[in-house]
Protein backbone atom coordinates (compact mmCIF):
# COMPACT_ATOMS: atom_id res chain seq x y z
CA MET A 1 49.82 -12.03 -4.01
CA GLU A 2 47.56 -9.01 -6.29
CA GLN A 3 44.48 -9.85 -7.10
CA VAL A 4 42.54 -8.58 -10.33
CA LEU A 5 39.05 -9.17 -11.47
CA THR A 6 38.43 -9.29 -15.26
CA LEU A 7 35.39 -7.51 -17.23
CA VAL A 8 34.80 -8.79 -20.97
CA ILE A 9 33.34 -6.50 -23.03
CA ARG A 10 31.52 -8.05 -26.23
CA VAL A 11 32.67 -5.43 -29.55
CA GLU A 12 31.77 -7.18 -33.00
CA LYS A 13 33.10 -5.07 -36.00
CA ASN A 14 29.48 -4.03 -36.62
CA ALA A 15 28.17 -3.55 -33.11
CA ARG A 16 29.88 -1.64 -30.88
CA PRO A 17 27.96 -0.68 -27.95
CA SER A 18 27.58 2.64 -26.79
CA GLN A 19 29.37 4.64 -24.06
CA THR A 20 26.91 4.67 -21.00
CA ASP A 21 25.41 1.10 -21.90
CA ALA A 22 29.09 0.03 -21.88
CA LEU A 23 29.77 1.92 -18.37
CA GLU A 24 25.91 0.99 -17.03
CA THR A 25 26.39 -2.68 -17.87
CA ALA A 26 29.68 -2.99 -16.52
CA ALA A 27 29.24 -1.61 -12.65
CA ARG A 28 25.89 -4.01 -12.97
CA ALA A 29 28.26 -7.05 -14.01
CA VAL A 30 30.56 -5.85 -10.85
CA LEU A 31 27.43 -6.00 -8.75
CA ALA A 32 25.70 -9.57 -10.13
CA ILE A 33 29.56 -11.29 -9.39
CA LEU A 34 29.11 -9.62 -5.90
CA ALA A 35 25.30 -10.68 -4.88
CA ASP A 36 26.14 -13.82 -6.68
CA GLU A 37 25.74 -17.04 -4.10
CA ARG A 38 28.82 -18.45 -5.19
CA SER A 39 30.85 -15.60 -4.11
CA TYR A 40 30.35 -15.73 -0.57
CA GLY A 41 29.66 -18.53 2.10
CA GLU A 42 30.64 -22.09 1.14
CA GLY A 43 30.29 -20.76 -2.70
CA GLU A 44 32.98 -21.55 -5.03
CA TRP A 45 34.03 -18.27 -5.89
CA ALA A 46 33.89 -17.29 -1.82
CA GLU A 47 38.03 -17.03 -1.35
CA ALA A 48 38.64 -15.77 -4.63
CA MET A 49 36.20 -12.77 -4.30
CA ALA A 50 37.01 -12.17 -0.24
CA ALA A 51 41.19 -12.24 -1.05
CA TRP A 52 40.09 -9.36 -3.59
CA GLN A 53 37.93 -7.69 -1.47
CA ASP A 54 40.69 -7.67 0.99
CA ASN A 55 43.22 -5.73 -1.18
CA HIS A 56 43.36 -3.17 -3.92
CA ILE A 57 39.73 -3.90 -5.90
CA ARG A 58 41.67 -3.78 -8.77
CA LYS A 59 39.71 -4.48 -12.03
CA ILE A 60 40.56 -4.42 -15.56
CA THR A 61 38.40 -4.70 -19.04
CA LYS A 62 39.14 -6.44 -22.33
CA ARG A 63 37.23 -6.48 -25.18
CA ALA A 64 36.13 -9.77 -27.16
CA ARG A 65 34.73 -11.29 -30.36
CA GLY A 66 33.80 -13.84 -32.33
CA ILE A 67 35.46 -16.88 -31.11
CA GLU A 68 37.23 -14.73 -28.65
CA TRP A 69 34.24 -14.44 -27.23
CA ARG A 70 32.98 -17.74 -26.64
CA ARG A 71 35.86 -18.49 -25.68
CA ALA A 72 35.47 -16.04 -23.05
CA GLU A 73 31.56 -17.22 -22.22
CA ALA A 74 32.78 -21.32 -22.18
CA LEU A 75 35.19 -20.39 -18.57
CA PRO A 76 33.22 -19.78 -15.39
CA GLY A 77 31.26 -16.05 -14.89
CA ILE A 78 28.09 -13.94 -15.48
CA THR A 79 27.31 -12.27 -18.58
CA VAL A 80 25.30 -8.95 -18.15
CA HIS A 81 23.21 -7.33 -20.79
CA GLY A 82 22.62 -3.76 -21.21
CA THR A 83 20.57 -2.22 -24.22
CA GLY A 84 23.32 -3.59 -26.21
CA ALA A 85 25.91 -3.85 -24.42
CA GLU A 86 27.36 -7.58 -23.33
CA VAL A 87 29.89 -7.42 -20.46
CA ARG A 88 30.79 -10.91 -18.98
CA VAL A 89 32.21 -10.49 -15.49
CA PHE A 90 34.84 -13.63 -13.97
CA PRO A 91 35.85 -14.21 -10.67
CA PRO A 92 39.20 -12.60 -9.03
CA THR A 93 42.28 -14.41 -10.05
CA GLY A 94 45.87 -13.71 -9.04
CA VAL A 95 47.52 -10.68 -11.59
CA ASP A 96 49.43 -13.56 -13.10
CA ASP A 97 47.36 -16.33 -12.88
CA VAL A 98 44.54 -14.99 -15.13
CA PRO A 99 42.78 -17.72 -17.54
CA PRO A 100 44.80 -17.98 -20.86
CA ASP A 101 41.49 -17.30 -23.24
CA LEU A 102 41.10 -13.61 -20.88
CA PHE A 103 44.70 -12.45 -20.52
CA LYS A 104 45.19 -12.54 -24.59
CA LEU A 105 42.62 -10.39 -25.12
CA GLN A 106 42.88 -6.68 -25.83
CA VAL A 107 42.53 -4.37 -23.67
CA SER A 108 42.68 -1.73 -26.27
CA GLY A 109 40.35 -0.75 -28.79
CA THR A 110 37.52 0.18 -25.86
CA ASP A 111 36.76 3.66 -27.14
CA PHE A 112 33.18 3.98 -27.81
CA GLU A 113 30.36 6.95 -27.93
CA ASP A 114 26.86 7.46 -27.74
CA THR A 115 25.69 8.10 -30.37
CA ALA A 116 22.09 9.63 -28.94
CA ASP A 117 20.94 11.74 -26.34
CA LEU A 118 20.84 9.97 -23.24
CA PRO A 119 17.92 9.68 -21.66
CA PRO A 120 16.44 11.59 -18.87
CA LEU A 121 17.38 10.22 -15.08
CA GLU A 122 14.60 8.27 -13.62
CA PRO A 123 13.91 9.33 -9.89
CA GLY A 124 15.27 7.08 -6.83
CA VAL A 125 17.54 5.05 -9.29
CA PRO A 126 21.23 5.34 -8.10
CA VAL A 127 23.56 7.71 -10.34
CA LEU A 128 27.28 6.92 -10.89
CA TRP A 129 28.88 10.26 -11.59
CA LEU A 130 31.50 11.03 -14.00
CA ASN A 131 34.68 13.61 -13.11
CA PRO A 132 34.11 16.11 -15.52
CA THR A 133 37.91 16.87 -15.50
CA LEU A 134 39.21 13.40 -16.35
CA GLU A 135 40.07 12.16 -19.41
CA MET A 136 39.49 7.69 -19.71
CA SER A 137 39.22 4.88 -22.50
CA SER A 138 36.18 3.50 -22.47
CA GLY A 139 37.41 0.32 -20.83
CA LYS A 140 39.12 2.78 -17.80
CA ALA A 141 35.72 4.03 -16.82
CA MET A 142 33.97 0.52 -17.06
CA ALA A 143 36.04 -0.27 -14.50
CA GLN A 144 35.83 2.90 -12.66
CA CYS A 145 32.21 2.62 -12.19
CA GLY A 146 32.63 -0.73 -11.41
CA HIS A 147 34.25 0.43 -8.31
CA ALA A 148 32.03 3.08 -7.62
CA ALA A 149 28.98 0.47 -7.76
CA GLN A 150 31.04 -1.67 -5.48
CA LEU A 151 31.97 0.64 -2.90
CA ALA A 152 28.17 1.58 -2.86
CA TRP A 153 26.98 -2.03 -2.23
CA TRP A 154 29.52 -2.30 0.52
CA GLU A 155 27.84 0.84 2.06
CA LEU A 156 24.13 -0.44 1.43
CA SER A 157 22.16 -2.51 4.45
CA GLU A 158 21.18 -6.36 3.38
CA GLN A 159 17.68 -5.64 2.98
CA ALA A 160 18.57 -2.46 0.79
CA ARG A 161 21.05 -4.66 -1.36
CA LYS A 162 18.33 -7.45 -1.91
CA GLU A 163 15.95 -4.49 -2.88
CA TRP A 164 18.25 -3.35 -5.80
CA GLN A 165 19.27 -6.83 -7.14
CA GLN A 166 15.84 -7.21 -7.17
CA THR A 167 16.06 -4.66 -9.91
CA ASP A 168 18.41 -6.52 -11.55
CA PHE A 169 20.50 -3.66 -10.53
CA ALA A 170 18.96 -0.40 -12.28
CA LEU A 171 21.31 2.02 -12.31
CA ALA A 172 22.51 5.72 -14.33
CA VAL A 173 25.58 6.81 -15.91
CA ARG A 174 26.17 10.42 -16.00
CA THR A 175 28.88 13.12 -16.39
CA ALA A 176 28.56 15.64 -13.74
CA THR A 177 28.79 19.15 -14.26
CA PRO A 178 31.92 21.30 -13.12
CA ALA A 179 29.93 22.65 -10.46
CA HIS A 180 28.07 19.38 -9.59
CA TRP A 181 31.08 17.54 -8.95
CA GLN A 182 31.83 19.78 -6.23
CA THR A 183 28.97 19.66 -4.64
CA LEU A 184 29.19 15.78 -4.62
CA LEU A 185 32.72 16.15 -3.10
CA THR A 186 30.80 17.48 -0.54
CA SER A 187 28.98 15.16 0.36
CA ASN A 188 29.71 11.43 2.46
CA LEU A 189 29.30 9.60 -0.61
CA PRO A 190 31.51 7.08 -1.96
CA VAL A 191 33.97 8.62 -4.06
CA VAL A 192 36.57 6.26 -6.06
CA GLN A 193 40.13 6.73 -5.60
CA ASP A 194 42.31 5.51 -8.69
CA ALA A 195 45.24 3.72 -7.76
CA GLY A 196 47.21 5.00 -10.65
CA PHE A 197 48.53 1.78 -12.40
CA THR A 198 46.77 3.07 -15.87
CA GLU A 199 46.12 6.29 -17.87
CA ILE A 200 45.20 8.98 -14.63
CA ALA A 201 47.64 10.08 -11.86
CA PRO A 202 47.53 8.02 -8.27
CA GLY A 203 44.71 9.18 -6.43
CA SER A 204 42.23 10.89 -8.86
CA ARG A 205 38.84 10.88 -7.43
CA THR A 206 36.89 9.81 -10.38
CA VAL A 207 33.34 8.11 -9.92
CA ILE A 208 31.08 9.29 -7.08
CA ALA A 209 28.25 6.57 -6.35
CA ASP A 210 24.80 8.28 -5.82
CA HIS A 211 22.39 6.22 -4.19
CA PRO A 212 19.46 7.24 -2.88
CA LEU A 213 20.11 4.99 0.14
CA LEU A 214 23.48 5.70 1.12
CA THR A 215 23.75 9.68 3.57
CA ARG A 216 25.28 12.57 1.74
């Protein structure tokens, strides 16, 4: 059975997160569950995480507010906070076994905007570069950034993973310029190729993970 990891972003009526904050927080949420002690060894989520990681690392993003969010928070998972964004990540389930309180949440309505200039990139902080030629909803882009962070995580050493975790998984998300994107494609950095379930064509390259400890 195909497995899916669900991300839920909190979107209250008068408190919408910014686009980049949502993407960065989603990526950090995926890293948080990968690193959590419940996700490996004898942990309670280990079996589900292993089954999911051995297949397509499919993710779906939904939104919640008010009582919906409180019900989601009551389910096993991890909430990660950004500057203003809140994202809760849940251990994978079968596509047909998503808990009812998550299944009924809406996928649409996750189109966010950046209303202020983004801060300059900090030296040494991993960057997830978005493909400048693709248009994706915020929810789709959140899932893709989660994929990119996960691919980077898989390639890092145990020590590098620990160091990243100690920074609370500091990272940045930016859209590459067309020229920079072409340069990134010639590197050995992890690149997400979408399965094409929604929005974009199968095989589309969506995000490249530029972690300073990964060789080019």
